[in-house]
PDB file of N, CA and C in Angstrom:
ATOM      1  N   MET A   1      96.803 -86.813  -7.034  1.00  0.00           N
ATOM      2  CA  MET A   1      96.280 -85.606  -6.426  1.00  0.00           C
ATOM      3  C   MET A   1      97.345 -84.514  -6.551  1.00  0.00           C
ATOM      4  N   ASN A   2      96.945 -83.309  -6.862  1.00  0.00           N
ATOM      5  CA  ASN A   2      97.844 -82.161  -6.949  1.00  0.00           C
ATOM      6  C   ASN A   2      97.937 -81.492  -5.590  1.00  0.00           C
ATOM      7  N   SER A   3      99.045 -80.757  -5.382  1.00  0.00           N
ATOM      8  CA  SER A   3      99.161 -80.032  -4.121  1.00  0.00           C
ATOM      9  C   SER A   3      99.918 -78.727  -4.336  1.00  0.00           C
ATOM     10  N   VAL A   4      99.578 -77.770  -3.476  1.00  0.00           N
ATOM     11  CA  VAL A   4     100.239 -76.473  -3.452  1.00  0.00           C
ATOM     12  C   VAL A   4     100.551 -76.174  -1.992  1.00  0.00           C
ATOM     13  N   THR A   5     101.794 -75.764  -1.722  1.00  0.00           N
ATOM     14  CA  THR A   5     102.198 -75.422  -0.363  1.00  0.00           C
ATOM     15  C   THR A   5     102.903 -74.072  -0.387  1.00  0.00           C
ATOM     16  N   VAL A   6     102.495 -73.195   0.543  1.00  0.00           N
ATOM     17  CA  VAL A   6     103.106 -71.877   0.670  1.00  0.00           C
ATOM     18  C   VAL A   6     103.398 -71.647   2.145  1.00  0.00           C
ATOM     19  N   SER A   7     104.611 -71.159   2.439  1.00  0.00           N
ATOM     20  CA  SER A   7     105.002 -70.863   3.823  1.00  0.00           C
ATOM     21  C   SER A   7     105.483 -69.426   3.920  1.00  0.00           C
ATOM     22  N   ARG A   8     105.168 -68.799   5.041  1.00  0.00           N
ATOM     23  CA  ARG A   8     105.635 -67.452   5.331  1.00  0.00           C
ATOM     24  C   ARG A   8     106.044 -67.402   6.802  1.00  0.00           C
ATOM     25  N   THR A   9     107.080 -66.629   7.085  1.00  0.00           N
ATOM     26  CA  THR A   9     107.509 -66.423   8.462  1.00  0.00           C
ATOM     27  C   THR A   9     107.190 -64.988   8.848  1.00  0.00           C
ATOM     28  N   THR A  10     106.673 -64.827  10.068  1.00  0.00           N
ATOM     29  CA  THR A  10     106.293 -63.512  10.569  1.00  0.00           C
ATOM     30  C   THR A  10     106.875 -63.305  11.960  1.00  0.00           C
ATOM     31  N   ASP A  11     106.957 -62.051  12.375  1.00  0.00           N
ATOM     32  CA  ASP A  11     107.445 -61.717  13.714  1.00  0.00           C
ATOM     33  C   ASP A  11     106.387 -61.975  14.786  1.00  0.00           C
ATOM     34  N   ALA A  12     105.147 -62.166  14.393  1.00  0.00           N
ATOM     35  CA  ALA A  12     104.054 -62.380  15.353  1.00  0.00           C
ATOM     36  C   ALA A  12     104.249 -63.703  16.084  1.00  0.00           C
ATOM     37  N   SER A  13     103.708 -63.770  17.293  1.00  0.00           N
ATOM     38  CA  SER A  13     103.796 -65.012  18.075  1.00  0.00           C
ATOM     39  C   SER A  13     102.814 -66.042  17.521  1.00  0.00           C
ATOM     40  N   ALA A  14     103.055 -67.298  17.853  1.00  0.00           N
ATOM     41  CA  ALA A  14     102.155 -68.369  17.423  1.00  0.00           C
ATOM     42  C   ALA A  14     100.749 -68.131  17.959  1.00  0.00           C
ATOM     43  N   ASP A  15     100.638 -67.630  19.194  1.00  0.00           N
ATOM     44  CA  ASP A  15      99.312 -67.350  19.766  1.00  0.00           C
ATOM     45  C   ASP A  15      98.587 -66.259  18.978  1.00  0.00           C
ATOM     46  N   GLU A  16      99.314 -65.205  18.582  1.00  0.00           N
ATOM     47  CA  GLU A  16      98.701 -64.135  17.786  1.00  0.00           C
ATOM     48  C   GLU A  16      98.223 -64.670  16.433  1.00  0.00           C
ATOM     49  N   ILE A  17      99.025 -65.529  15.828  1.00  0.00           N
ATOM     50  CA  ILE A  17      98.640 -66.115  14.535  1.00  0.00           C
ATOM     51  C   ILE A  17      97.401 -66.984  14.702  1.00  0.00           C
ATOM     52  N   ARG A  18      97.380 -67.831  15.714  1.00  0.00           N
ATOM     53  CA  ARG A  18      96.212 -68.701  15.935  1.00  0.00           C
ATOM     54  C   ARG A  18      94.955 -67.882  16.216  1.00  0.00           C
ATOM     55  N   GLU A  19      95.088 -66.772  16.957  1.00  0.00           N
ATOM     56  CA  GLU A  19      93.939 -65.901  17.211  1.00  0.00           C
ATOM     57  C   GLU A  19      93.398 -65.328  15.901  1.00  0.00           C
ATOM     58  N   ALA A  20      94.294 -64.929  15.006  1.00  0.00           N
ATOM     59  CA  ALA A  20      93.862 -64.404  13.700  1.00  0.00           C
ATOM     60  C   ALA A  20      93.177 -65.486  12.884  1.00  0.00           C
ATOM     61  N   ILE A  21      93.724 -66.689  12.893  1.00  0.00           N
ATOM     62  CA  ILE A  21      93.131 -67.802  12.140  1.00  0.00           C
ATOM     63  C   ILE A  21      91.771 -68.165  12.711  1.00  0.00           C
ATOM     64  N   ASP A  22      91.596 -68.058  14.035  1.00  0.00           N
ATOM     65  CA  ASP A  22      90.318 -68.385  14.674  1.00  0.00           C
ATOM     66  C   ASP A  22      89.181 -67.462  14.221  1.00  0.00           C
ATOM     67  N   ARG A  23      89.510 -66.292  13.697  1.00  0.00           N
ATOM     68  CA  ARG A  23      88.502 -65.412  13.100  1.00  0.00           C
ATOM     69  C   ARG A  23      88.378 -65.850  11.634  1.00  0.00           C
ATOM     70  N   ILE A  24      87.722 -66.973  11.453  1.00  0.00           N
ATOM     71  CA  ILE A  24      87.734 -67.703  10.183  1.00  0.00           C
ATOM     72  C   ILE A  24      87.281 -66.851   9.005  1.00  0.00           C
ATOM     73  N   GLY A  25      86.198 -66.141   9.127  1.00  0.00           N
ATOM     74  CA  GLY A  25      85.695 -65.333   8.015  1.00  0.00           C
ATOM     75  C   GLY A  25      86.722 -64.331   7.508  1.00  0.00           C
ATOM     76  N   PRO A  26      87.189 -63.421   8.372  1.00  0.00           N
ATOM     77  CA  PRO A  26      88.194 -62.447   7.924  1.00  0.00           C
ATOM     78  C   PRO A  26      89.497 -63.110   7.468  1.00  0.00           C
ATOM     79  N   PHE A  27      89.884 -64.209   8.121  1.00  0.00           N
ATOM     80  CA  PHE A  27      91.122 -64.884   7.735  1.00  0.00           C
ATOM     81  C   PHE A  27      91.023 -65.436   6.313  1.00  0.00           C
ATOM     82  N   ILE A  28      89.937 -66.125   6.002  1.00  0.00           N
ATOM     83  CA  ILE A  28      89.786 -66.687   4.659  1.00  0.00           C
ATOM     84  C   ILE A  28      89.584 -65.574   3.633  1.00  0.00           C
ATOM     85  N   GLU A  29      88.852 -64.545   3.993  1.00  0.00           N
ATOM     86  CA  GLU A  29      88.665 -63.423   3.073  1.00  0.00           C
ATOM     87  C   GLU A  29      90.007 -62.768   2.724  1.00  0.00           C
ATOM     88  N   ALA A  30      90.906 -62.706   3.693  1.00  0.00           N
ATOM     89  CA  ALA A  30      92.220 -62.105   3.457  1.00  0.00           C
ATOM     90  C   ALA A  30      93.048 -62.901   2.448  1.00  0.00           C
ATOM     91  N   SER A  31      92.664 -64.143   2.200  1.00  0.00           N
ATOM     92  CA  SER A  31      93.402 -64.942   1.223  1.00  0.00           C
ATOM     93  C   SER A  31      92.966 -64.653  -0.206  1.00  0.00           C
ATOM     94  N   GLY A  32      92.044 -63.689  -0.372  1.00  0.00           N
ATOM     95  CA  GLY A  32      91.728 -63.227  -1.716  1.00  0.00           C
ATOM     96  C   GLY A  32      90.335 -63.535  -2.225  1.00  0.00           C
ATOM     97  N   PHE A  33      89.477 -64.109  -1.411  1.00  0.00           N
ATOM     98  CA  PHE A  33      88.110 -64.378  -1.864  1.00  0.00           C
ATOM     99  C   PHE A  33      87.280 -63.108  -1.837  1.00  0.00           C
ATOM    100  N   ASP A  34      86.373 -62.979  -2.807  1.00  0.00           N
ATOM    101  CA  ASP A  34      85.493 -61.813  -2.880  1.00  0.00           C
ATOM    102  C   ASP A  34      84.381 -61.871  -1.846  1.00  0.00           C
ATOM    103  N   GLU A  35      83.896 -63.089  -1.558  1.00  0.00           N
ATOM    104  CA  GLU A  35      82.807 -63.265  -0.594  1.00  0.00           C
ATOM    105  C   GLU A  35      83.125 -64.455   0.300  1.00  0.00           C
ATOM    106  N   VAL A  36      82.881 -64.298   1.603  1.00  0.00           N
ATOM    107  CA  VAL A  36      83.062 -65.386   2.566  1.00  0.00           C
ATOM    108  C   VAL A  36      81.897 -65.333   3.540  1.00  0.00           C
ATOM    109  N   THR A  37      81.230 -66.473   3.724  1.00  0.00           N
ATOM    110  CA  THR A  37      80.142 -66.583   4.688  1.00  0.00           C
ATOM    111  C   THR A  37      80.428 -67.787   5.570  1.00  0.00           C
ATOM    112  N   VAL A  38      80.399 -67.571   6.887  1.00  0.00           N
ATOM    113  CA  VAL A  38      80.635 -68.654   7.835  1.00  0.00           C
ATOM    114  C   VAL A  38      79.336 -68.922   8.578  1.00  0.00           C
ATOM    115  N   ASP A  39      78.920 -70.189   8.590  1.00  0.00           N
ATOM    116  CA  ASP A  39      77.716 -70.610   9.304  1.00  0.00           C
ATOM    117  C   ASP A  39      78.055 -71.890  10.049  1.00  0.00           C
ATOM    118  N   GLY A  40      78.463 -71.744  11.304  1.00  0.00           N
ATOM    119  CA  GLY A  40      78.888 -72.907  12.083  1.00  0.00           C
ATOM    120  C   GLY A  40      80.145 -73.513  11.483  1.00  0.00           C
ATOM    121  N   ASP A  41      80.081 -74.785  11.107  1.00  0.00           N
ATOM    122  CA  ASP A  41      81.221 -75.490  10.515  1.00  0.00           C
ATOM    123  C   ASP A  41      81.214 -75.447   8.994  1.00  0.00           C
ATOM    124  N   THR A  42      80.329 -74.640   8.417  1.00  0.00           N
ATOM    125  CA  THR A  42      80.244 -74.524   6.960  1.00  0.00           C
ATOM    126  C   THR A  42      80.718 -73.137   6.539  1.00  0.00           C
ATOM    127  N   VAL A  43      81.593 -73.119   5.542  1.00  0.00           N
ATOM    128  CA  VAL A  43      82.117 -71.860   5.007  1.00  0.00           C
ATOM    129  C   VAL A  43      81.814 -71.847   3.514  1.00  0.00           C
ATOM    130  N   ARG A  44      81.203 -70.777   3.057  1.00  0.00           N
ATOM    131  CA  ARG A  44      80.942 -70.604   1.623  1.00  0.00           C
ATOM    132  C   ARG A  44      81.819 -69.465   1.129  1.00  0.00           C
ATOM    133  N   VAL A  45      82.539 -69.727   0.029  1.00  0.00           N
ATOM    134  CA  VAL A  45      83.412 -68.711  -0.552  1.00  0.00           C
ATOM    135  C   VAL A  45      83.056 -68.544  -2.024  1.00  0.00           C
ATOM    136  N   ALA A  46      83.304 -67.338  -2.515  1.00  0.00           N
ATOM    137  CA  ALA A  46      83.082 -67.050  -3.935  1.00  0.00           C
ATOM    138  C   ALA A  46      84.172 -66.110  -4.409  1.00  0.00           C
ATOM    139  N   ASN A  47      84.543 -66.288  -5.664  1.00  0.00           N
ATOM    140  CA  ASN A  47      85.563 -65.445  -6.264  1.00  0.00           C
ATOM    141  C   ASN A  47      85.192 -65.183  -7.716  1.00  0.00           C
ATOM    142  N   GLN A  48      85.245 -63.940  -8.109  1.00  0.00           N
ATOM    143  CA  GLN A  48      84.978 -63.540  -9.488  1.00  0.00           C
ATOM    144  C   GLN A  48      86.242 -63.772 -10.314  1.00  0.00           C
ATOM    145  N   VAL A  49      86.124 -64.567 -11.370  1.00  0.00           N
ATOM    146  CA  VAL A  49      87.241 -64.835 -12.271  1.00  0.00           C
ATOM    147  C   VAL A  49      86.762 -64.515 -13.678  1.00  0.00           C
ATOM    148  N   GLY A  50      87.152 -63.359 -14.168  1.00  0.00           N
ATOM    149  CA  GLY A  50      86.647 -62.925 -15.474  1.00  0.00           C
ATOM    150  C   GLY A  50      85.140 -62.738 -15.396  1.00  0.00           C
ATOM    151  N   PHE A  51      84.430 -63.408 -16.307  1.00  0.00           N
ATOM    152  CA  PHE A  51      82.968 -63.318 -16.326  1.00  0.00           C
ATOM    153  C   PHE A  51      82.302 -64.353 -15.424  1.00  0.00           C
ATOM    154  N   ALA A  52      83.081 -65.279 -14.906  1.00  0.00           N
ATOM    155  CA  ALA A  52      82.530 -66.372 -14.106  1.00  0.00           C
ATOM    156  C   ALA A  52      82.731 -66.116 -12.609  1.00  0.00           C
ATOM    157  N   THR A  53      81.836 -66.680 -11.819  1.00  0.00           N
ATOM    158  CA  THR A  53      81.980 -66.684 -10.373  1.00  0.00           C
ATOM    159  C   THR A  53      82.196 -68.124  -9.940  1.00  0.00           C
ATOM    160  N   ILE A  54      83.291 -68.361  -9.232  1.00  0.00           N
ATOM    161  CA  ILE A  54      83.575 -69.694  -8.705  1.00  0.00           C
ATOM    162  C   ILE A  54      83.130 -69.717  -7.255  1.00  0.00           C
ATOM    163  N   GLU A  55      82.302 -70.704  -6.919  1.00  0.00           N
ATOM    164  CA  GLU A  55      81.786 -70.828  -5.563  1.00  0.00           C
ATOM    165  C   GLU A  55      82.156 -72.195  -5.001  1.00  0.00           C
ATOM    166  N   LEU A  56      82.541 -72.200  -3.739  1.00  0.00           N
ATOM    167  CA  LEU A  56      82.871 -73.435  -3.038  1.00  0.00           C
ATOM    168  C   LEU A  56      82.130 -73.458  -1.709  1.00  0.00           C
ATOM    169  N   THR A  57      81.661 -74.627  -1.326  1.00  0.00           N
ATOM    170  CA  THR A  57      81.146 -74.839   0.016  1.00  0.00           C
ATOM    171  C   THR A  57      82.155 -75.716   0.730  1.00  0.00           C
ATOM    172  N   LEU A  58      82.651 -75.226   1.847  1.00  0.00           N
ATOM    173  CA  LEU A  58      83.706 -75.899   2.597  1.00  0.00           C
ATOM    174  C   LEU A  58      83.179 -76.340   3.955  1.00  0.00           C
ATOM    175  N   ALA A  59      83.732 -77.424   4.465  1.00  0.00           N
ATOM    176  CA  ALA A  59      83.388 -77.899   5.805  1.00  0.00           C
ATOM    177  C   ALA A  59      84.647 -77.881   6.652  1.00  0.00           C
ATOM    178  N   LEU A  60      84.576 -77.241   7.808  1.00  0.00           N
ATOM    179  CA  LEU A  60      85.698 -77.255   8.735  1.00  0.00           C
ATOM    180  C   LEU A  60      85.869 -78.674   9.250  1.00  0.00           C
ATOM    181  N   VAL A  61      87.110 -79.154   9.328  1.00  0.00           N
ATOM    182  CA  VAL A  61      87.382 -80.524   9.777  1.00  0.00           C
ATOM    183  C   VAL A  61      88.423 -80.510  10.875  1.00  0.00           C
ATOM    184  N   GLU A  62      88.397 -81.530  11.696  1.00  0.00           N
ATOM    185  CA  GLU A  62      89.375 -81.686  12.770  1.00  0.00           C
ATOM    186  C   GLU A  62      90.707 -82.133  12.183  1.00  0.00           C
ATOM    187  N   ASP A  63      91.769 -81.524  12.648  1.00  0.00           N
ATOM    188  CA  ASP A  63      93.125 -81.894  12.248  1.00  0.00           C
ATOM    189  C   ASP A  63      94.017 -81.512  13.416  1.00  0.00           C
ATOM    190  N   SER A  64      94.506 -82.498  14.141  1.00  0.00           N
ATOM    191  CA  SER A  64      95.249 -82.224  15.379  1.00  0.00           C
ATOM    192  C   SER A  64      96.535 -81.442  15.149  1.00  0.00           C
ATOM    193  N   GLU A  65      97.076 -81.453  13.928  1.00  0.00           N
ATOM    194  CA  GLU A  65      98.321 -80.751  13.650  1.00  0.00           C
ATOM    195  C   GLU A  65      98.103 -79.368  13.043  1.00  0.00           C
ATOM    196  N   ALA A  66      96.867 -79.032  12.691  1.00  0.00           N
ATOM    197  CA  ALA A  66      96.602 -77.778  11.980  1.00  0.00           C
ATOM    198  C   ALA A  66      95.824 -76.793  12.844  1.00  0.00           C
ATOM    199  N   ALA A  67      96.110 -75.506  12.637  1.00  0.00           N
ATOM    200  CA  ALA A  67      95.344 -74.452  13.302  1.00  0.00           C
ATOM    201  C   ALA A  67      93.971 -74.313  12.656  1.00  0.00           C
ATOM    202  N   LEU A  68      93.887 -74.675  11.372  1.00  0.00           N
ATOM    203  CA  LEU A  68      92.628 -74.627  10.628  1.00  0.00           C
ATOM    204  C   LEU A  68      92.721 -75.631   9.491  1.00  0.00           C
ATOM    205  N   ALA A  69      91.645 -76.377   9.288  1.00  0.00           N
ATOM    206  CA  ALA A  69      91.587 -77.304   8.161  1.00  0.00           C
ATOM    207  C   ALA A  69      90.158 -77.353   7.647  1.00  0.00           C
ATOM    208  N   TYR A  70      90.025 -77.436   6.325  1.00  0.00           N
ATOM    209  CA  TYR A  70      88.702 -77.562   5.735  1.00  0.00           C
ATOM    210  C   TYR A  70      88.766 -78.372   4.449  1.00  0.00           C
ATOM    211  N   GLU A  71      87.604 -78.971   4.101  1.00  0.00           N
ATOM    212  CA  GLU A  71      87.471 -79.752   2.880  1.00  0.00           C
ATOM    213  C   GLU A  71      86.319 -79.199   2.066  1.00  0.00           C
ATOM    214  N   GLN A  72      86.444 -79.299   0.768  1.00  0.00           N
ATOM    215  CA  GLN A  72      85.344 -78.886  -0.108  1.00  0.00           C
ATOM    216  C   GLN A  72      84.210 -79.900   0.001  1.00  0.00           C
ATOM    217  N   ARG A  73      82.993 -79.406   0.161  1.00  0.00           N
ATOM    218  CA  ARG A  73      81.798 -80.247   0.127  1.00  0.00           C
ATOM    219  C   ARG A  73      81.076 -80.105  -1.209  1.00  0.00           C
ATOM    220  N   ASP A  74      81.199 -78.912  -1.800  1.00  0.00           N
ATOM    221  CA  ASP A  74      80.564 -78.669  -3.095  1.00  0.00           C
ATOM    222  C   ASP A  74      81.399 -77.616  -3.816  1.00  0.00           C
ATOM    223  N   GLY A  75      81.635 -77.828  -5.104  1.00  0.00           N
ATOM    224  CA  GLY A  75      82.415 -76.855  -5.857  1.00  0.00           C
ATOM    225  C   GLY A  75      83.038 -77.463  -7.096  1.00  0.00           C
ATOM    226  N   ILE A  76      84.061 -76.822  -7.595  1.00  0.00           N
ATOM    227  CA  ILE A  76      84.633 -77.191  -8.885  1.00  0.00           C
ATOM    228  C   ILE A  76      85.625 -78.356  -8.823  1.00  0.00           C
ATOM    229  N   PHE A  77      86.103 -78.687  -7.643  1.00  0.00           N
ATOM    230  CA  PHE A  77      87.093 -79.754  -7.521  1.00  0.00           C
ATOM    231  C   PHE A  77      86.405 -81.089  -7.256  1.00  0.00           C
ATOM    232  N   ARG A  78      87.069 -82.158  -7.678  1.00  0.00           N
ATOM    233  CA  ARG A  78      86.570 -83.479  -7.310  1.00  0.00           C
ATOM    234  C   ARG A  78      86.778 -83.691  -5.814  1.00  0.00           C
ATOM    235  N   LYS A  79      87.965 -83.294  -5.340  1.00  0.00           N
ATOM    236  CA  LYS A  79      88.312 -83.312  -3.915  1.00  0.00           C
ATOM    237  C   LYS A  79      89.214 -82.124  -3.664  1.00  0.00           C
ATOM    238  N   MET A  80      89.107 -81.537  -2.464  1.00  0.00           N
ATOM    239  CA  MET A  80      89.990 -80.438  -2.094  1.00  0.00           C
ATOM    240  C   MET A  80      90.045 -80.351  -0.574  1.00  0.00           C
ATOM    241  N   ARG A  81      91.258 -80.259  -0.053  1.00  0.00           N
ATOM    242  CA  ARG A  81      91.462 -80.099   1.393  1.00  0.00           C
ATOM    243  C   ARG A  81      92.586 -79.093   1.599  1.00  0.00           C
ATOM    244  N   THR A  82      92.361 -78.152   2.523  1.00  0.00           N
ATOM    245  CA  THR A  82      93.362 -77.145   2.864  1.00  0.00           C
ATOM    246  C   THR A  82      93.596 -77.188   4.362  1.00  0.00           C
ATOM    247  N   ARG A  83      94.861 -77.017   4.734  1.00  0.00           N
ATOM    248  CA  ARG A  83      95.209 -76.960   6.163  1.00  0.00           C
ATOM    249  C   ARG A  83      96.276 -75.904   6.379  1.00  0.00           C
ATOM    250  N   TYR A  84      96.198 -75.240   7.533  1.00  0.00           N
ATOM    251  CA  TYR A  84      97.154 -74.208   7.933  1.00  0.00           C
ATOM    252  C   TYR A  84      97.868 -74.691   9.184  1.00  0.00           C
ATOM    253  N   VAL A  85      99.189 -74.767   9.107  1.00  0.00           N
ATOM    254  CA  VAL A  85      99.998 -75.228  10.231  1.00  0.00           C
ATOM    255  C   VAL A  85     100.846 -74.058  10.725  1.00  0.00           C
ATOM    256  N   VAL A  86     100.867 -73.878  12.038  1.00  0.00           N
ATOM    257  CA  VAL A  86     101.618 -72.801  12.693  1.00  0.00           C
ATOM    258  C   VAL A  86     102.744 -73.449  13.486  1.00  0.00           C
ATOM    259  N   ALA A  87     103.993 -72.975  13.267  1.00  0.00           N
ATOM    260  CA  ALA A  87     105.138 -73.570  13.954  1.00  0.00           C
ATOM    261  C   ALA A  87     106.163 -72.487  14.295  1.00  0.00           C
ATOM    262  N   PRO A  88     106.886 -72.680  15.400  1.00  0.00           N
ATOM    263  CA  PRO A  88     107.950 -71.732  15.746  1.00  0.00           C
ATOM    264  C   PRO A  88     109.010 -71.716  14.649  1.00  0.00           C
ATOM    265  N   ALA A  89     109.581 -70.548  14.422  1.00  0.00           N
ATOM    266  CA  ALA A  89     110.662 -70.397  13.441  1.00  0.00           C
ATOM    267  C   ALA A  89     111.666 -69.415  14.006  1.00  0.00           C
ATOM    268  N   ASP A  90     112.840 -69.387  13.446  1.00  0.00           N
ATOM    269  CA  ASP A  90     113.877 -68.456  13.879  1.00  0.00           C
ATOM    270  C   ASP A  90     113.348 -67.023  13.867  1.00  0.00           C
ATOM    271  N   GLY A  91     113.225 -66.429  15.034  1.00  0.00           N
ATOM    272  CA  GLY A  91     112.807 -65.044  15.122  1.00  0.00           C
ATOM    273  C   GLY A  91     111.316 -64.813  14.933  1.00  0.00           C
ATOM    274  N   GLY A  92     110.495 -65.842  14.978  1.00  0.00           N
ATOM    275  CA  GLY A  92     109.062 -65.631  14.801  1.00  0.00           C
ATOM    276  C   GLY A  92     108.286 -66.920  14.671  1.00  0.00           C
ATOM    277  N   THR A  93     107.309 -66.878  13.778  1.00  0.00           N
ATOM    278  CA  THR A  93     106.403 -68.002  13.586  1.00  0.00           C
ATOM    279  C   THR A  93     106.242 -68.259  12.095  1.00  0.00           C
ATOM    280  N   GLU A  94     106.281 -69.524  11.718  1.00  0.00           N
ATOM    281  CA  GLU A  94     106.055 -69.905  10.329  1.00  0.00           C
ATOM    282  C   GLU A  94     104.626 -70.411  10.168  1.00  0.00           C
ATOM    283  N   VAL A  95     103.949 -69.902   9.155  1.00  0.00           N
ATOM    284  CA  VAL A  95     102.595 -70.354   8.806  1.00  0.00           C
ATOM    285  C   VAL A  95     102.690 -71.036   7.453  1.00  0.00           C
ATOM    286  N   THR A  96     102.219 -72.282   7.389  1.00  0.00           N
ATOM    287  CA  THR A  96     102.255 -73.034   6.143  1.00  0.00           C
ATOM    288  C   THR A  96     100.833 -73.397   5.747  1.00  0.00           C
ATOM    289  N   ALA A  97     100.466 -73.025   4.531  1.00  0.00           N
ATOM    290  CA  ALA A  97      99.168 -73.393   3.971  1.00  0.00           C
ATOM    291  C   ALA A  97      99.403 -74.477   2.930  1.00  0.00           C
ATOM    292  N   MET A  98      98.677 -75.583   3.066  1.00  0.00           N
ATOM    293  CA  MET A  98      98.809 -76.708   2.137  1.00  0.00           C
ATOM    294  C   MET A  98      97.444 -77.054   1.576  1.00  0.00           C
ATOM    295  N   THR A  99      97.324 -77.096   0.272  1.00  0.00           N
ATOM    296  CA  THR A  99      96.074 -77.508  -0.370  1.00  0.00           C
ATOM    297  C   THR A  99      96.358 -78.686  -1.268  1.00  0.00           C
ATOM    298  N   GLU A 100      95.551 -79.727  -1.124  1.00  0.00           N
ATOM    299  CA  GLU A 100      95.585 -80.871  -2.029  1.00  0.00           C
ATOM    300  C   GLU A 100      94.254 -80.884  -2.778  1.00  0.00           C
ATOM    301  N   PHE A 101      94.314 -81.159  -4.085  1.00  0.00           N
ATOM    302  CA  PHE A 101      93.080 -81.103  -4.871  1.00  0.00           C
ATOM    303  C   PHE A 101      93.157 -82.012  -6.083  1.00  0.00           C
ATOM    304  N   GLU A 102      91.987 -82.427  -6.526  1.00  0.00           N
ATOM    305  CA  GLU A 102      91.827 -83.169  -7.781  1.00  0.00           C
ATOM    306  C   GLU A 102      90.840 -82.422  -8.631  1.00  0.00           C
TER     307      GLU A 102
END
């Protein structure tokens, strides 16, 4: 399985970060998707790549260590799971996004 991990530290508090993540539609859209639709625990995303549109159907999943976690239910990957972890850091809060995919 392949993985990608990106971390950023911000001056915002952990509570402020979690509040932003809880607004799932705008939060996921801010990560660069052209279209995001949230319907309960199902999130549909689309992104224009050249002449093609890539669409994924994601399911929100429970993860006791993550502020947000989701898995692909339908899309281009055989398997895909993303999780966002919020942790205290020197002078602020660190947000780590981890995606594993096949």
